[in-house]
Every structure is written in C-alpha cells, then in structure tokens.
C-alpha cells in the first residue's frame, strides 16, 4: 500500500513538473509574412492577438494571424535569427 502511494505521488510530481514550462509560439502575419516568436500571447475576440515580441521586446497587436505552438529549439532559432533580406527588385532603365 505504501509503495503504491509513493509511486502515485512520484508520478503526479513528474506530470506537474513537466507542465510548468512556458509555451512557445510562432505567430505569422500572412499579409507581410513577418514571423514573431513569443511565450506571451493573448487572444482576443474576432481573431486579433497581442503578444510580446521576443526579438524586439515590443508589444505587438495583430489581426488575422497564424499561430503555431513550437518547441524551445524552434523558438530559439527563430528568436535569434536575422530576418531575411527583401528580394531585390530588378533594375528598370529606359535604355537598353
């Protein structure tokens, strides 16, 4: 009986400890393609969200976003990566 109680207590402690870490999110604005990485996400009515951007530290409010839960490794890679350079527009000249 005592062994079962100890096993149940240990199992409950492991389940509790496993669920205490932060949840990581990648939030993408489909109109601009910009990705935000955060652990602080607040969903509002009508699909808008407010988040604390981990790259800039700024509070950002967005409409119509794509939210994806990610693991810590993806969060760290996205958080510390440099944004992609915009594609260079072809040069147009009136003379050829």
Protein backbone atom coordinates (compact mmCIF):
# COMPACT_ATOMS: atom_id res chain seq x y z
CA UNK A 1 0.00 0.00 0.00
CA UNK A 2 2.74 2.42 0.96
CA UNK A 3 4.65 1.60 -2.24
CA UNK A 4 1.58 2.46 -4.34
CA UNK A 5 1.21 5.80 -2.56
CA UNK A 6 4.87 6.67 -3.16
CA UNK A 7 4.61 5.66 -6.83
CA UNK A 8 1.43 7.70 -7.30
CA UNK A 9 3.00 10.74 -5.61
CA UNK A 10 6.14 10.46 -7.76
CA UNK A 11 4.07 10.13 -10.93
CA UNK A 12 1.96 13.18 -10.03
CA UNK A 13 5.10 15.21 -9.27
CA UNK A 14 6.63 14.32 -12.65
CA UNK A 15 3.44 15.24 -14.51
CA UNK A 16 3.25 18.55 -12.64
CA UNK A 17 6.91 19.39 -13.30
CA UNK A 18 6.60 18.59 -17.00
CA UNK A 19 3.71 21.03 -17.48
CA UNK A 20 5.22 24.06 -15.76
CA UNK A 21 7.44 25.39 -18.52
CA UNK A 22 6.45 28.17 -20.91
CA UNK A 23 4.55 27.56 -24.12
CA UNK A 24 6.37 28.78 -27.22
CA UNK A 25 4.53 30.29 -30.19
CA UNK A 26 5.39 31.34 -33.72
CA UNK A 27 2.89 33.98 -34.84
CA UNK A 28 2.91 34.82 -38.54
CA UNK A 29 1.24 37.82 -40.16
CA UNK A 30 0.12 36.41 -43.54
CA UNK A 31 -0.14 39.84 -45.18
CA UNK A 32 3.53 40.71 -44.57
CA UNK A 33 5.00 37.24 -43.97
CA UNK A 34 6.70 38.51 -40.82
CA UNK A 35 7.10 35.95 -38.04
CA UNK A 36 7.02 36.81 -34.34
CA UNK A 37 8.26 34.50 -31.58
CA UNK A 38 6.72 34.74 -28.13
CA UNK A 39 5.80 32.99 -24.91
CA UNK A 40 3.29 35.71 -24.02
CA UNK A 41 0.24 35.51 -26.30
CA UNK A 42 -3.20 36.94 -25.61
CA UNK A 43 -6.04 36.04 -27.96
CA UNK A 44 -8.91 38.50 -28.28
CA UNK A 45 -12.34 38.38 -29.82
CA UNK A 46 -12.62 38.48 -33.61
CA UNK A 47 -9.23 36.80 -34.19
CA UNK A 48 -6.83 39.52 -33.04
CA UNK A 49 -3.85 38.81 -30.78
CA UNK A 50 -1.48 40.81 -28.60
CA UNK A 51 2.00 39.47 -27.97
CA UNK A 52 5.36 40.39 -26.51
CA UNK A 53 7.84 40.01 -29.39
CA UNK A 54 10.92 38.19 -28.10
CA UNK A 55 13.22 39.73 -30.73
CA UNK A 56 12.43 43.39 -30.14
CA UNK A 57 10.76 43.30 -26.73
CA UNK A 58 7.88 45.33 -28.18
CA UNK A 59 4.23 44.66 -27.52
CA UNK A 60 2.55 43.92 -30.86
CA UNK A 61 -1.15 43.73 -31.76
CA UNK A 62 -2.14 41.95 -34.96
CA UNK A 63 -5.29 40.93 -36.83
CA UNK A 64 -5.84 37.67 -38.74
CA UNK A 65 -2.65 35.81 -37.80
CA UNK A 66 -1.46 32.24 -37.98
CA UNK A 67 -0.49 30.88 -34.54
CA UNK A 68 1.59 27.73 -34.19
CA UNK A 69 2.85 26.11 -30.99
CA UNK A 70 6.53 25.26 -31.36
CA UNK A 71 9.23 23.67 -29.22
CA UNK A 72 12.02 25.54 -27.43
CA UNK A 73 14.60 24.76 -30.12
CA UNK A 74 12.46 26.26 -32.91
CA UNK A 75 11.75 29.25 -30.66
CA UNK A 76 15.46 29.87 -30.02
CA UNK A 77 16.38 29.53 -33.70
CA UNK A 78 13.63 31.92 -34.78
CA UNK A 79 14.25 34.36 -31.96
CA UNK A 80 17.95 34.78 -32.66
CA UNK A 81 17.93 34.53 -36.47
CA UNK A 82 18.24 37.60 -38.64
CA UNK A 83 15.24 38.49 -40.79
CA UNK A 84 15.56 37.54 -44.44
CA UNK A 85 16.65 40.37 -46.70
CA UNK A 86 13.89 41.56 -49.01
CA UNK A 87 14.18 40.42 -52.60
CA UNK A 88 15.93 42.96 -54.76
CA UNK A 89 13.69 44.42 -57.45
CA UNK A 90 15.03 44.16 -60.99
CA UNK A 91 16.50 47.38 -62.24
CA UNK A 92 14.46 49.12 -64.88
CA UNK A 93 16.08 51.62 -67.14
CA UNK A 94 14.65 53.39 -70.15
CA UNK A 95 17.78 52.49 -72.16
CA UNK A 96 18.95 49.04 -73.14
